[in-house]
C-alpha atoms as a PDB file:
ATOM      1  CA  MET A   1      -4.198 -95.648  69.168  1.00  0.00           C
ATOM      2  CA  THR A   2      -2.154 -95.782  72.378  1.00  0.00           C
ATOM      3  CA  ILE A   3      -3.603 -93.732  75.186  1.00  0.00           C
ATOM      4  CA  ARG A   4      -0.940 -91.541  76.808  1.00  0.00           C
ATOM      5  CA  PHE A   5      -1.522 -90.582  80.404  1.00  0.00           C
ATOM      6  CA  ALA A   6       0.099 -88.407  83.017  1.00  0.00           C
ATOM      7  CA  ALA A   7      -0.178 -88.977  86.811  1.00  0.00           C
ATOM      8  CA  VAL A   8      -0.977 -85.550  88.511  1.00  0.00           C
ATOM      9  CA  GLY A   9      -1.548 -85.505  92.195  1.00  0.00           C
ATOM     10  CA  LEU A  10       0.133 -88.526  93.976  1.00  0.00           C
ATOM     11  CA  ALA A  11      -1.016 -88.056  97.537  1.00  0.00           C
ATOM     12  CA  HIS A  12      -2.870 -91.387  97.963  1.00  0.00           C
ATOM     13  CA  PRO A  13      -1.239 -94.836  97.353  1.00  0.00           C
ATOM     14  CA  HIS A  14      -4.124 -95.775  95.018  1.00  0.00           C
ATOM     15  CA  ILE A  15      -2.206 -93.966  92.353  1.00  0.00           C
ATOM     16  CA  PHE A  16       0.251 -96.783  92.071  1.00  0.00           C
ATOM     17  CA  ASP A  17      -2.396 -99.374  91.446  1.00  0.00           C
ATOM     18  CA  MET A  18      -4.213 -97.223  88.865  1.00  0.00           C
ATOM     19  CA  ALA A  19      -1.030 -96.455  86.932  1.00  0.00           C
ATOM     20  CA  ARG A  20       0.093-100.081  86.991  1.00  0.00           C
ATOM     21  CA  ARG A  21      -3.294-101.303  85.765  1.00  0.00           C
ATOM     22  CA  LEU A  22      -3.381 -98.712  82.985  1.00  0.00           C
ATOM     23  CA  ARG A  23      -0.012 -99.735  81.765  1.00  0.00           C
ATOM     24  CA  GLU A  24      -0.861-103.417  81.821  1.00  0.00           C
ATOM     25  CA  ALA A  25      -3.910-102.598  79.715  1.00  0.00           C
ATOM     26  CA  GLY A  26      -1.773-100.891  77.150  1.00  0.00           C
ATOM     27  CA  ALA A  27      -1.624 -97.312  78.050  1.00  0.00           C
ATOM     28  CA  ARG A  28       1.597 -95.238  78.195  1.00  0.00           C
ATOM     29  CA  LEU A  29       2.683 -93.329  81.280  1.00  0.00           C
ATOM     30  CA  VAL A  30       4.514 -90.264  79.936  1.00  0.00           C
ATOM     31  CA  ALA A  31       4.680 -87.826  82.904  1.00  0.00           C
ATOM     32  CA  CYS A  32       4.102 -87.271  86.550  1.00  0.00           C
ATOM     33  CA  TRP A  33       3.801 -84.234  88.879  1.00  0.00           C
ATOM     34  CA  ASP A  34       3.091 -83.543  92.552  1.00  0.00           C
ATOM     35  CA  ASP A  35       3.912 -80.437  94.609  1.00  0.00           C
ATOM     36  CA  ASP A  36       5.156 -82.726  97.535  1.00  0.00           C
ATOM     37  CA  PRO A  37       8.738 -83.969  96.703  1.00  0.00           C
ATOM     38  CA  GLY A  38       8.235 -87.036  98.823  1.00  0.00           C
ATOM     39  CA  ASN A  39       5.104 -88.101  96.901  1.00  0.00           C
ATOM     40  CA  LEU A  40       6.919 -87.458  93.581  1.00  0.00           C
ATOM     41  CA  ALA A  41      10.070 -89.465  94.654  1.00  0.00           C
ATOM     42  CA  ALA A  42       7.954 -92.448  95.690  1.00  0.00           C
ATOM     43  CA  PHE A  43       6.181 -92.527  92.382  1.00  0.00           C
ATOM     44  CA  VAL A  44       9.307 -92.253  90.403  1.00  0.00           C
ATOM     45  CA  ARG A  45      10.805 -95.166  92.362  1.00  0.00           C
ATOM     46  CA  ALA A  46       7.886 -97.271  91.438  1.00  0.00           C
ATOM     47  CA  PHE A  47       7.933 -96.204  87.806  1.00  0.00           C
ATOM     48  CA  PRO A  48      11.525 -95.205  87.092  1.00  0.00           C
ATOM     49  CA  ASP A  49      11.027 -94.812  83.331  1.00  0.00           C
ATOM     50  CA  VAL A  50       8.418 -91.989  83.803  1.00  0.00           C
ATOM     51  CA  GLU A  51       9.377 -88.319  83.161  1.00  0.00           C
ATOM     52  CA  ARG A  52       9.232 -86.246  86.249  1.00  0.00           C
ATOM     53  CA  SER A  53       7.714 -82.883  85.388  1.00  0.00           C
ATOM     54  CA  ARG A  54       8.509 -79.648  87.248  1.00  0.00           C
ATOM     55  CA  ASP A  55       5.593 -77.773  85.640  1.00  0.00           C
ATOM     56  CA  ILE A  56       2.014 -78.890  85.946  1.00  0.00           C
ATOM     57  CA  THR A  57       0.900 -76.389  83.375  1.00  0.00           C
ATOM     58  CA  ALA A  58       3.147 -78.036  80.774  1.00  0.00           C
ATOM     59  CA  ILE A  59       1.350 -81.398  81.384  1.00  0.00           C
ATOM     60  CA  PHE A  60      -2.129 -79.932  80.851  1.00  0.00           C
ATOM     61  CA  GLU A  61      -0.983 -78.010  77.749  1.00  0.00           C
ATOM     62  CA  ASP A  62       0.664 -81.065  76.178  1.00  0.00           C
ATOM     63  CA  ARG A  63      -1.713 -82.022  73.408  1.00  0.00           C
ATOM     64  CA  ALA A  64      -0.093 -85.478  73.254  1.00  0.00           C
ATOM     65  CA  VAL A  65      -1.393 -86.322  76.744  1.00  0.00           C
ATOM     66  CA  ASP A  66      -4.842 -87.887  76.434  1.00  0.00           C
ATOM     67  CA  LEU A  67      -5.687 -88.727  79.985  1.00  0.00           C
ATOM     68  CA  ILE A  68      -4.930 -87.260  83.449  1.00  0.00           C
ATOM     69  CA  VAL A  69      -4.900 -89.809  86.310  1.00  0.00           C
ATOM     70  CA  SER A  70      -4.956 -88.462  89.896  1.00  0.00           C
ATOM     71  CA  ALA A  71      -4.990 -89.518  93.503  1.00  0.00           C
ATOM     72  CA  ALA A  72      -4.543 -85.962  94.816  1.00  0.00           C
ATOM     73  CA  VAL A  73      -5.819 -84.924  98.269  1.00  0.00           C
ATOM     74  CA  HIS A  74      -9.670 -85.405  98.082  1.00  0.00           C
ATOM     75  CA  ASP A  75     -10.605 -81.766  97.846  1.00  0.00           C
ATOM     76  CA  GLU A  76      -8.205 -81.125  94.981  1.00  0.00           C
ATOM     77  CA  ARG A  77      -9.474 -83.726  92.588  1.00  0.00           C
ATOM     78  CA  ALA A  78     -12.482 -81.968  91.158  1.00  0.00           C
ATOM     79  CA  GLY A  79     -10.372 -78.907  90.309  1.00  0.00           C
ATOM     80  CA  LEU A  80      -7.799 -80.953  88.491  1.00  0.00           C
ATOM     81  CA  GLY A  81     -10.496 -82.686  86.573  1.00  0.00           C
ATOM     82  CA  VAL A  82     -12.077 -79.490  85.469  1.00  0.00           C
ATOM     83  CA  ARG A  83      -8.644 -78.221  84.323  1.00  0.00           C
ATOM     84  CA  ALA A  84      -8.095 -81.489  82.433  1.00  0.00           C
ATOM     85  CA  MET A  85     -11.453 -81.426  80.635  1.00  0.00           C
ATOM     86  CA  ARG A  86     -11.009 -77.695  79.712  1.00  0.00           C
ATOM     87  CA  HIS A  87      -7.643 -78.798  78.116  1.00  0.00           C
ATOM     88  CA  GLU A  88      -9.487 -81.447  76.079  1.00  0.00           C
ATOM     89  CA  LYS A  89      -8.279 -84.421  78.253  1.00  0.00           C
ATOM     90  CA  ASP A  90     -10.211 -87.089  80.020  1.00  0.00           C
ATOM     91  CA  PHE A  91      -9.789 -87.554  83.772  1.00  0.00           C
ATOM     92  CA  LEU A  92      -9.629 -90.661  86.067  1.00  0.00           C
ATOM     93  CA  CYS A  93      -9.272 -90.301  89.837  1.00  0.00           C
ATOM     94  CA  THR A  94      -9.527 -92.634  92.757  1.00  0.00           C
ATOM     95  CA  LYS A  95     -12.500 -92.207  95.071  1.00  0.00           C
ATOM     96  CA  PRO A  96     -13.971 -89.896  96.227  1.00  0.00           C
ATOM     97  CA  GLY A  97     -14.179 -87.659  93.182  1.00  0.00           C
ATOM     98  CA  PHE A  98     -15.666 -84.790  95.167  1.00  0.00           C
ATOM     99  CA  THR A  99     -15.857 -83.360  98.614  1.00  0.00           C
ATOM    100  CA  THR A 100     -18.769 -80.910  98.135  1.00  0.00           C
ATOM    101  CA  LEU A 101     -21.883 -80.822  96.087  1.00  0.00           C
ATOM    102  CA  GLU A 102     -20.643 -77.552  94.527  1.00  0.00           C
ATOM    103  CA  GLN A 103     -17.685 -79.335  93.178  1.00  0.00           C
ATOM    104  CA  TRP A 104     -19.965 -82.040  91.817  1.00  0.00           C
ATOM    105  CA  GLU A 105     -22.120 -79.465  90.069  1.00  0.00           C
ATOM    106  CA  GLU A 106     -19.193 -77.662  88.490  1.00  0.00           C
ATOM    107  CA  VAL A 107     -17.630 -80.827  87.189  1.00  0.00           C
ATOM    108  CA  ARG A 108     -20.942 -82.009  85.768  1.00  0.00           C
ATOM    109  CA  ARG A 109     -21.344 -78.595  84.034  1.00  0.00           C
ATOM    110  CA  VAL A 110     -17.927 -78.789  82.485  1.00  0.00           C
ATOM    111  CA  TRP A 111     -18.483 -82.421  81.354  1.00  0.00           C
ATOM    112  CA  MET A 112     -21.650 -81.244  79.603  1.00  0.00           C
ATOM    113  CA  GLU A 113     -19.756 -78.435  77.965  1.00  0.00           C
ATOM    114  CA  THR A 114     -16.712 -80.349  76.854  1.00  0.00           C
ATOM    115  CA  GLY A 115     -17.834 -83.990  76.334  1.00  0.00           C
ATOM    116  CA  ARG A 116     -14.799 -85.120  78.287  1.00  0.00           C
ATOM    117  CA  ARG A 117     -14.904 -88.003  80.885  1.00  0.00           C
ATOM    118  CA  TYR A 118     -14.619 -87.534  84.589  1.00  0.00           C
ATOM    119  CA  ILE A 119     -14.424 -91.132  85.907  1.00  0.00           C
ATOM    120  CA  VAL A 120     -13.988 -92.150  89.525  1.00  0.00           C
ATOM    121  CA  TYR A 121     -12.211 -95.400  89.921  1.00  0.00           C
ATOM    122  CA  PHE A 122     -14.202 -97.401  92.443  1.00  0.00           C
ATOM    123  CA  GLY A 123     -11.353 -99.842  93.117  1.00  0.00           C
ATOM    124  CA  GLU A 124     -13.281-102.074  95.493  1.00  0.00           C
ATOM    125  CA  ARG A 125     -15.525-103.199  92.532  1.00  0.00           C
ATOM    126  CA  PHE A 126     -13.331-102.514  89.451  1.00  0.00           C
ATOM    127  CA  GLY A 127     -10.160-103.919  91.055  1.00  0.00           C
ATOM    128  CA  ASN A 128     -11.452-106.802  93.169  1.00  0.00           C
ATOM    129  CA  PRO A 129     -11.655-110.140  91.262  1.00  0.00           C
ATOM    130  CA  ALA A 130     -14.321-111.644  93.589  1.00  0.00           C
ATOM    131  CA  THR A 131     -16.588-108.585  93.232  1.00  0.00           C
ATOM    132  CA  VAL A 132     -16.175-108.598  89.389  1.00  0.00           C
ATOM    133  CA  LEU A 133     -17.124-112.280  89.351  1.00  0.00           C
ATOM    134  CA  ALA A 134     -20.180-111.682  91.570  1.00  0.00           C
ATOM    135  CA  GLY A 135     -21.296-109.098  89.041  1.00  0.00           C
ATOM    136  CA  GLU A 136     -20.860-111.577  86.146  1.00  0.00           C
ATOM    137  CA  LEU A 137     -22.824-114.280  88.070  1.00  0.00           C
ATOM    138  CA  ILE A 138     -25.649-111.895  88.852  1.00  0.00           C
ATOM    139  CA  GLN A 139     -25.853-110.778  85.154  1.00  0.00           C
ATOM    140  CA  GLN A 140     -26.120-114.472  84.347  1.00  0.00           C
ATOM    141  CA  GLY A 141     -29.124-114.782  86.677  1.00  0.00           C
ATOM    142  CA  ALA A 142     -27.388-116.918  89.314  1.00  0.00           C
ATOM    143  CA  ILE A 143     -29.410-115.654  92.234  1.00  0.00           C
ATOM    144  CA  GLY A 144     -32.360-113.928  90.536  1.00  0.00           C
ATOM    145  CA  ARG A 145     -32.900-110.194  90.988  1.00  0.00           C
ATOM    146  CA  VAL A 146     -30.861-108.608  93.692  1.00  0.00           C
ATOM    147  CA  VAL A 147     -33.318-107.049  96.284  1.00  0.00           C
ATOM    148  CA  HIS A 148     -30.956-106.319  99.114  1.00  0.00           C
ATOM    149  CA  MET A 149     -27.211-105.564  99.540  1.00  0.00           C
ATOM    150  CA  ALA A 150     -25.179-105.222 102.696  1.00  0.00           C
ATOM    151  CA  GLY A 151     -21.744-103.936 102.396  1.00  0.00           C
ATOM    152  CA  PHE A 152     -19.004-103.536 105.062  1.00  0.00           C
ATOM    153  CA  GLY A 153     -15.805-101.562 104.490  1.00  0.00           C
ATOM    154  CA  PRO A 154     -13.703-101.547 107.737  1.00  0.00           C
ATOM    155  CA  HIS A 155     -10.282-100.039 107.660  1.00  0.00           C
ATOM    156  CA  ARG A 156      -7.172 -99.926 109.934  1.00  0.00           C
ATOM    157  CA  LEU A 157      -6.239 -96.364 110.628  1.00  0.00           C
ATOM    158  CA  PHE A 158      -2.568 -96.818 111.683  1.00  0.00           C
ATOM    159  CA  GLY A 159      -0.125 -99.586 110.657  1.00  0.00           C
ATOM    160  CA  ARG A 160       1.944-100.157 107.461  1.00  0.00           C
ATOM    161  CA  ILE A 161       0.767 -96.913 105.838  1.00  0.00           C
ATOM    162  CA  ALA A 162       1.361 -93.605 107.598  1.00  0.00           C
ATOM    163  CA  ARG A 163      -1.785 -91.418 107.488  1.00  0.00           C
ATOM    164  CA  PRO A 164      -1.220 -87.830 106.360  1.00  0.00           C
ATOM    165  CA  PRO A 165      -2.464 -84.883 108.312  1.00  0.00           C
ATOM    166  CA  TRP A 166      -5.158 -84.041 105.668  1.00  0.00           C
ATOM    167  CA  LEU A 167      -6.984 -87.255 106.461  1.00  0.00           C
ATOM    168  CA  PHE A 168      -8.096 -85.747 109.787  1.00  0.00           C
ATOM    169  CA  GLN A 169      -9.224 -82.405 108.254  1.00  0.00           C
ATOM    170  CA  ARG A 170     -12.917 -82.493 107.503  1.00  0.00           C
ATOM    171  CA  ASP A 171     -12.866 -80.117 104.562  1.00  0.00           C
ATOM    172  CA  ARG A 172      -9.949 -81.837 102.920  1.00  0.00           C
ATOM    173  CA  TYR A 173     -11.091 -85.594 103.140  1.00  0.00           C
ATOM    174  CA  GLY A 174     -14.826 -84.956 102.888  1.00  0.00           C
ATOM    175  CA  GLY A 175     -16.118 -87.261 105.680  1.00  0.00           C
ATOM    176  CA  ILE A 176     -16.135 -90.984 106.105  1.00  0.00           C
ATOM    177  CA  LEU A 177     -19.383 -91.666 104.154  1.00  0.00           C
ATOM    178  CA  ASN A 178     -18.342 -89.589 101.187  1.00  0.00           C
ATOM    179  CA  ASP A 179     -14.892 -91.202 101.188  1.00  0.00           C
ATOM    180  CA  LEU A 180     -15.146 -94.899 102.198  1.00  0.00           C
ATOM    181  CA  ALA A 181     -18.875 -95.519 101.664  1.00  0.00           C
ATOM    182  CA  SER A 182     -18.653 -94.329  98.093  1.00  0.00           C
ATOM    183  CA  HIS A 183     -17.471 -97.840  97.271  1.00  0.00           C
ATOM    184  CA  GLN A 184     -20.572 -99.425  98.764  1.00  0.00           C
ATOM    185  CA  ILE A 185     -22.963 -96.953  97.194  1.00  0.00           C
ATOM    186  CA  ASP A 186     -21.405 -97.615  93.780  1.00  0.00           C
ATOM    187  CA  GLN A 187     -21.867-101.319  94.319  1.00  0.00           C
ATOM    188  CA  PHE A 188     -25.474-100.934  95.549  1.00  0.00           C
ATOM    189  CA  LEU A 189     -26.470 -99.072  92.286  1.00  0.00           C
ATOM    190  CA  PHE A 190     -24.626-101.599  90.200  1.00  0.00           C
ATOM    191  CA  PHE A 191     -25.717-104.872  91.751  1.00  0.00           C
ATOM    192  CA  THR A 192     -29.311-103.859  92.253  1.00  0.00           C
ATOM    193  CA  GLY A 193     -29.629-102.341  88.869  1.00  0.00           C
ATOM    194  CA  SER A 194     -30.807 -99.041  90.395  1.00  0.00           C
ATOM    195  CA  VAL A 195     -30.486 -95.799  88.466  1.00  0.00           C
ATOM    196  CA  THR A 196     -30.770 -93.791  91.671  1.00  0.00           C
ATOM    197  CA  ALA A 197     -31.610 -94.226  95.315  1.00  0.00           C
ATOM    198  CA  GLU A 198     -32.669 -92.192  98.416  1.00  0.00           C
ATOM    199  CA  ILE A 199     -30.767 -91.919 101.685  1.00  0.00           C
ATOM    200  CA  ALA A 200     -33.218 -93.334 104.218  1.00  0.00           C
ATOM    201  CA  ALA A 201     -30.871 -92.796 107.133  1.00  0.00           C
ATOM    202  CA  ALA A 202     -27.212 -92.087 107.825  1.00  0.00           C
ATOM    203  CA  THR A 203     -25.068 -91.855 110.947  1.00  0.00           C
ATOM    204  CA  VAL A 204     -21.470 -90.804 111.544  1.00  0.00           C
ATOM    205  CA  ALA A 205     -19.348 -90.885 114.648  1.00  0.00           C
ATOM    206  CA  ASN A 206     -15.989 -90.549 116.223  1.00  0.00           C
ATOM    207  CA  HIS A 207     -15.963 -93.378 118.684  1.00  0.00           C
ATOM    208  CA  ARG A 208     -12.185 -93.996 119.385  1.00  0.00           C
ATOM    209  CA  HIS A 209     -10.127 -90.984 118.153  1.00  0.00           C
ATOM    210  CA  PRO A 210     -11.107 -87.811 120.141  1.00  0.00           C
ATOM    211  CA  GLN A 211      -7.581 -86.384 119.523  1.00  0.00           C
ATOM    212  CA  PHE A 212      -8.873 -85.740 115.906  1.00  0.00           C
ATOM    213  CA  PRO A 213     -12.022 -83.771 116.509  1.00  0.00           C
ATOM    214  CA  GLU A 214     -12.825 -83.313 112.770  1.00  0.00           C
ATOM    215  CA  PHE A 215     -12.437 -87.022 112.012  1.00  0.00           C
ATOM    216  CA  GLU A 216     -15.107 -89.721 111.780  1.00  0.00           C
ATOM    217  CA  ASP A 217     -14.131 -93.298 112.459  1.00  0.00           C
ATOM    218  CA  PHE A 218     -17.541 -94.849 111.931  1.00  0.00           C
ATOM    219  CA  GLY A 219     -20.404 -94.394 109.381  1.00  0.00           C
ATOM    220  CA  GLU A 220     -23.556 -96.229 108.217  1.00  0.00           C
ATOM    221  CA  VAL A 221     -26.237 -95.702 105.581  1.00  0.00           C
ATOM    222  CA  LEU A 222     -29.560 -97.143 104.771  1.00  0.00           C
ATOM    223  CA  LEU A 223     -30.392 -96.921 101.057  1.00  0.00           C
ATOM    224  CA  ARG A 224     -33.621 -97.402  99.312  1.00  0.00           C
ATOM    225  CA  SER A 225     -34.385 -97.535  95.577  1.00  0.00           C
ATOM    226  CA  GLU A 226     -37.509 -98.567  93.650  1.00  0.00           C
ATOM    227  CA  ARG A 227     -35.924-101.943  93.156  1.00  0.00           C
ATOM    228  CA  ALA A 228     -34.035-102.767  96.379  1.00  0.00           C
ATOM    229  CA  THR A 229     -32.769-101.732  99.798  1.00  0.00           C
ATOM    230  CA  GLY A 230     -29.318-101.719 101.293  1.00  0.00           C
ATOM    231  CA  TYR A 231     -27.210-101.281 104.418  1.00  0.00           C
ATOM    232  CA  LEU A 232     -23.629 -99.973 104.320  1.00  0.00           C
ATOM    233  CA  ARG A 233     -21.167 -99.791 107.163  1.00  0.00           C
ATOM    234  CA  VAL A 234     -17.657 -98.371 107.056  1.00  0.00           C
ATOM    235  CA  ASP A 235     -15.136 -97.642 109.823  1.00  0.00           C
ATOM    236  CA  TRP A 236     -11.624 -96.987 110.740  1.00  0.00           C
ATOM    237  CA  LEU A 237     -11.743 -99.500 113.687  1.00  0.00           C
ATOM    238  CA  SER A 238     -10.006-102.614 112.396  1.00  0.00           C
ATOM    239  CA  PRO A 239      -7.946-104.055 115.309  1.00  0.00           C
ATOM    240  CA  ALA A 240      -4.183-104.550 115.145  1.00  0.00           C
ATOM    241  CA  GLY A 241      -4.680-108.365 115.469  1.00  0.00           C
ATOM    242  CA  LEU A 242      -6.412-108.682 112.062  1.00  0.00           C
ATOM    243  CA  SER A 243      -4.161-110.173 109.392  1.00  0.00           C
ATOM    244  CA  THR A 244      -5.178-107.533 106.831  1.00  0.00           C
ATOM    245  CA  TRP A 245      -6.154-103.900 106.693  1.00  0.00           C
ATOM    246  CA  GLY A 246      -9.888-104.615 106.923  1.00  0.00           C
ATOM    247  CA  ASP A 247     -12.312-107.598 106.765  1.00  0.00           C
ATOM    248  CA  VAL A 248     -14.289-106.319 103.743  1.00  0.00           C
ATOM    249  CA  ARG A 249     -17.523-108.185 103.050  1.00  0.00           C
ATOM    250  CA  LEU A 250     -20.390-107.985 100.528  1.00  0.00           C
ATOM    251  CA  PHE A 251     -23.792-109.767 100.928  1.00  0.00           C
ATOM    252  CA  LEU A 252     -26.219-109.833  97.950  1.00  0.00           C
ATOM    253  CA  GLN A 253     -29.657-111.266  98.540  1.00  0.00           C
ATOM    254  CA  GLY A 254     -31.447-112.281  95.428  1.00  0.00           C
ATOM    255  CA  THR A 255     -34.958-113.660  94.710  1.00  0.00           C
ATOM    256  CA  ASP A 256     -33.408-117.079  93.943  1.00  0.00           C
ATOM    257  CA  GLY A 257     -30.369-117.263  96.218  1.00  0.00           C
ATOM    258  CA  TYR A 258     -27.601-115.150  97.676  1.00  0.00           C
ATOM    259  CA  ILE A 259     -23.907-114.406  97.409  1.00  0.00           C
ATOM    260  CA  GLU A 260     -21.350-113.476  99.962  1.00  0.00           C
ATOM    261  CA  VAL A 261     -17.994-112.127  99.070  1.00  0.00           C
ATOM    262  CA  ARG A 262     -15.157-112.075 101.568  1.00  0.00           C
ATOM    263  CA  LYS A 263     -12.851-109.797  99.768  1.00  0.00           C
ATOM    264  CA  THR A 264      -9.775-109.510 101.852  1.00  0.00           C
ATOM    265  CA  CYS A 265      -9.740-112.457 104.321  1.00  0.00           C
ATOM    266  CA  ASP A 266     -11.756-115.495 105.467  1.00  0.00           C
ATOM    267  CA  LEU A 267     -11.366-115.464 109.229  1.00  0.00           C
ATOM    268  CA  GLN A 268     -10.081-118.720 110.552  1.00  0.00           C
ATOM    269  CA  GLY A 269     -10.749-120.290 107.136  1.00  0.00           C
ATOM    270  CA  ARG A 270      -9.122-120.203 103.693  1.00  0.00           C
ATOM    271  CA  VAL A 271      -5.885-118.328 103.111  1.00  0.00           C
ATOM    272  CA  GLY A 272      -5.860-114.969 101.310  1.00  0.00           C
ATOM    273  CA  GLY A 273      -8.725-113.015  99.869  1.00  0.00           C
ATOM    274  CA  ASP A 274     -11.224-113.123  96.983  1.00  0.00           C
ATOM    275  CA  HIS A 275     -13.591-115.759  98.464  1.00  0.00           C
ATOM    276  CA  LEU A 276     -17.073-116.047  96.902  1.00  0.00           C
ATOM    277  CA  PHE A 277     -19.853-118.158  98.360  1.00  0.00           C
ATOM    278  CA  LEU A 278     -23.057-118.752  96.278  1.00  0.00           C
ATOM    279  CA  VAL A 279     -26.278-120.506  97.561  1.00  0.00           C
ATOM    280  CA  ASP A 280     -29.160-121.157  95.165  1.00  0.00           C
ATOM    281  CA  HIS A 281     -31.864-123.735  94.730  1.00  0.00           C
ATOM    282  CA  HIS A 282     -29.264-126.388  93.693  1.00  0.00           C
ATOM    283  CA  GLY A 283     -26.999-126.159  96.722  1.00  0.00           C
ATOM    284  CA  GLU A 284     -23.971-124.359  98.157  1.00  0.00           C
ATOM    285  CA  ARG A 285     -20.875-123.455  96.128  1.00  0.00           C
ATOM    286  CA  TYR A 286     -17.606-121.979  96.964  1.00  0.00           C
ATOM    287  CA  ILE A 287     -15.433-120.177  94.348  1.00  0.00           C
ATOM    288  CA  HIS A 288     -11.877-118.865  94.865  1.00  0.00           C
ATOM    289  CA  ALA A 289     -12.037-115.899  92.549  1.00  0.00           C
ATOM    290  CA  ALA A 290      -8.434-114.571  92.789  1.00  0.00           C
ATOM    291  CA  ASP A 291      -7.719-115.358  89.199  1.00  0.00           C
ATOM    292  CA  ALA A 292     -10.921-113.808  87.760  1.00  0.00           C
ATOM    293  CA  PRO A 293     -10.007-111.255  85.093  1.00  0.00           C
ATOM    294  CA  LEU A 294     -10.309-107.506  85.773  1.00  0.00           C
ATOM    295  CA  PRO A 295     -11.525-105.982  82.517  1.00  0.00           C
ATOM    296  CA  PHE A 296     -12.113-102.380  83.708  1.00  0.00           C
ATOM    297  CA  MET A 297      -8.952-100.673  82.553  1.00  0.00           C
ATOM    298  CA  ARG A 298      -9.021-102.409  79.087  1.00  0.00           C
ATOM    299  CA  LEU A 299     -12.641-101.348  78.593  1.00  0.00           C
ATOM    300  CA  PHE A 300     -11.988 -97.920  79.842  1.00  0.00           C
ATOM    301  CA  LEU A 301      -9.071 -97.321  77.417  1.00  0.00           C
ATOM    302  CA  ASP A 302     -11.478 -98.635  74.598  1.00  0.00           C
ATOM    303  CA  ASP A 303     -14.095 -96.171  75.776  1.00  0.00           C
ATOM    304  CA  LEU A 304     -11.641 -93.216  75.573  1.00  0.00           C
ATOM    305  CA  ARG A 305     -10.670 -94.246  72.024  1.00  0.00           C
ATOM    306  CA  ASP A 306     -14.296 -95.077  70.900  1.00  0.00           C
ATOM    307  CA  ARG A 307     -16.220 -92.607  73.016  1.00  0.00           C
ATOM    308  CA  THR A 308     -18.274 -95.490  74.410  1.00  0.00           C
ATOM    309  CA  GLU A 309     -19.290 -96.345  77.971  1.00  0.00           C
ATOM    310  CA  ARG A 310     -18.608-100.071  78.404  1.00  0.00           C
ATOM    311  CA  ALA A 311     -16.346 -99.891  81.478  1.00  0.00           C
ATOM    312  CA  VAL A 312     -18.833 -97.649  83.418  1.00  0.00           C
ATOM    313  CA  GLU A 313     -21.362 -94.950  82.511  1.00  0.00           C
ATOM    314  CA  GLN A 314     -20.628 -91.375  83.303  1.00  0.00           C
ATOM    315  CA  ALA A 315     -24.151 -90.943  84.634  1.00  0.00           C
ATOM    316  CA  HIS A 316     -23.498 -93.861  87.133  1.00  0.00           C
ATOM    317  CA  VAL A 317     -20.259 -92.179  88.360  1.00  0.00           C
ATOM    318  CA  PHE A 318     -22.051 -88.891  88.926  1.00  0.00           C
ATOM    319  CA  GLU A 319     -25.025 -90.510  90.764  1.00  0.00           C
ATOM    320  CA  ALA A 320     -22.939 -92.748  93.135  1.00  0.00           C
ATOM    321  CA  SER A 321     -20.827 -89.648  93.907  1.00  0.00           C
ATOM    322  CA  ARG A 322     -23.963 -87.475  94.533  1.00  0.00           C
ATOM    323  CA  LEU A 323     -25.517 -90.063  96.877  1.00  0.00           C
ATOM    324  CA  ALA A 324     -22.266 -90.230  98.915  1.00  0.00           C
ATOM    325  CA  LEU A 325     -22.198 -86.483  99.260  1.00  0.00           C
ATOM    326  CA  LEU A 326     -25.896 -86.431 100.301  1.00  0.00           C
ATOM    327  CA  ALA A 327     -25.318 -89.235 102.761  1.00  0.00           C
ATOM    328  CA  GLN A 328     -22.483 -87.300 104.364  1.00  0.00           C
ATOM    329  CA  ARG A 329     -24.469 -84.053 104.429  1.00  0.00           C
ATOM    330  CA  GLU A 330     -27.549 -85.683 105.906  1.00  0.00           C
ATOM    331  CA  ALA A 331     -25.868 -87.928 108.411  1.00  0.00           C
ATOM    332  CA  LYS A 332     -26.769 -87.669 112.133  1.00  0.00           C
ATOM    333  CA  ALA A 333     -23.584 -87.229 114.139  1.00  0.00           C
ATOM    334  CA  LEU A 334     -23.164 -89.248 117.364  1.00  0.00           C
ATOM    335  CA  ASN A 335     -20.789 -88.042 120.113  1.00  0.00           C
ATOM    336  CA  ARG A 336     -21.389 -84.467 118.916  1.00  0.00           C
ATOM    337  CA  SER A 337     -18.591 -83.095 121.102  1.00  0.00           C
ATOM    338  CA  THR A 338     -15.943 -85.160 119.192  1.00  0.00           C
ATOM    339  CA  SER A 339     -17.517 -85.755 115.781  1.00  0.00           C
ATOM    340  CA  VAL A 340     -18.216 -83.086 113.094  1.00  0.00           C
END
C-alpha cells in the first residue's frame, strides 16, 4: 500500500525536507496548499509534479489522502492536526507541534477518540545521521547507561533565510524553549530511556534583539528524571563568522564512557558535519557518520500501514511536547523589560 500525502501549511522550510524524505521512503505526494501564494509557489518549484490545490477543504475530504504533512505557522499546527484526525487521516508536522497546553490537551483528546496519529518530526534526531548513529551505539551498550545529557542548539537569526514576522510574535511561535529546545527535550527522553521528566529550572531572555520585545534569543533548561539529569541551551546568537547556521552539539555521559556529537561543524577541524566521538574503557574513537542511514520515514510509513509504533511512540511525542510547553511556561525571564 502506497501512502498518499498532502502538504498543508508551508510556512517553514522544514516542509521541503519532510516531503523529500517521505517521497524517498516510498510515499506519494499528491497535493499541496497554503494561504500564502509565495509559500505555495516555492513549494511547487521544489516539487513541480505536485497538484496545487485551491481548496484546503477538498484535501481534507479526499478519502484517497492518507497523511497530512505540515510546517504551518506554529500556532496553526494543532488545529490542522485535529482537522486531519477528524477526517480519518494521520498527521505529521515539524516541531513544535503545539504552542499552548490547551492545544496539547485537545489534540490528545482527539487522538484518543479517533486512533489517528499526531506525530512531531524532531528533525535534529530523526534527520541527523550522527545522532541516529549515537542512538544505535547506546542501544548496543557502547557507553553503558546514559546518566546525563547536555544539548546545545544555537541558531543564526538573520542570514540566508529571511525570518517571517510571526517568528517575533510570542503567541504565534510559542517561545524559544517550546520551539528550539523541543529537539533537546526529545533527545533527553530518548537517550536516557526516560518516560518522563521534571523541569528543575528554566530561563529565557532577550539579550540582543530589543527591537523585538516579544522575542526570546536565549533559553536554558535543567531536566531531571528518575534515571538521569540534563542541561539544554538554545539561542539565536550564532555570529555571522560561523561557517554554518549553528554549532549544534550533543554530549552523552554514560556509566562506561561518553559520546560527543558535533552535528553541523567541527570548529577548526574536520570539514562538514556529522562528527561522532566515542570514548570508552578501550580508548578513543572518531566516526564520520554522514553516511549513516536514516530509517525514520521508512519506519513511519510502515507504522501508518501496520498501525505500529516502530519509528516513534505517540506517547513519547506527547510527553516531549508537554515538557517543552511546561519549560516555556515556568521559565524565569531575564531582562524583563525586553523579554516576555
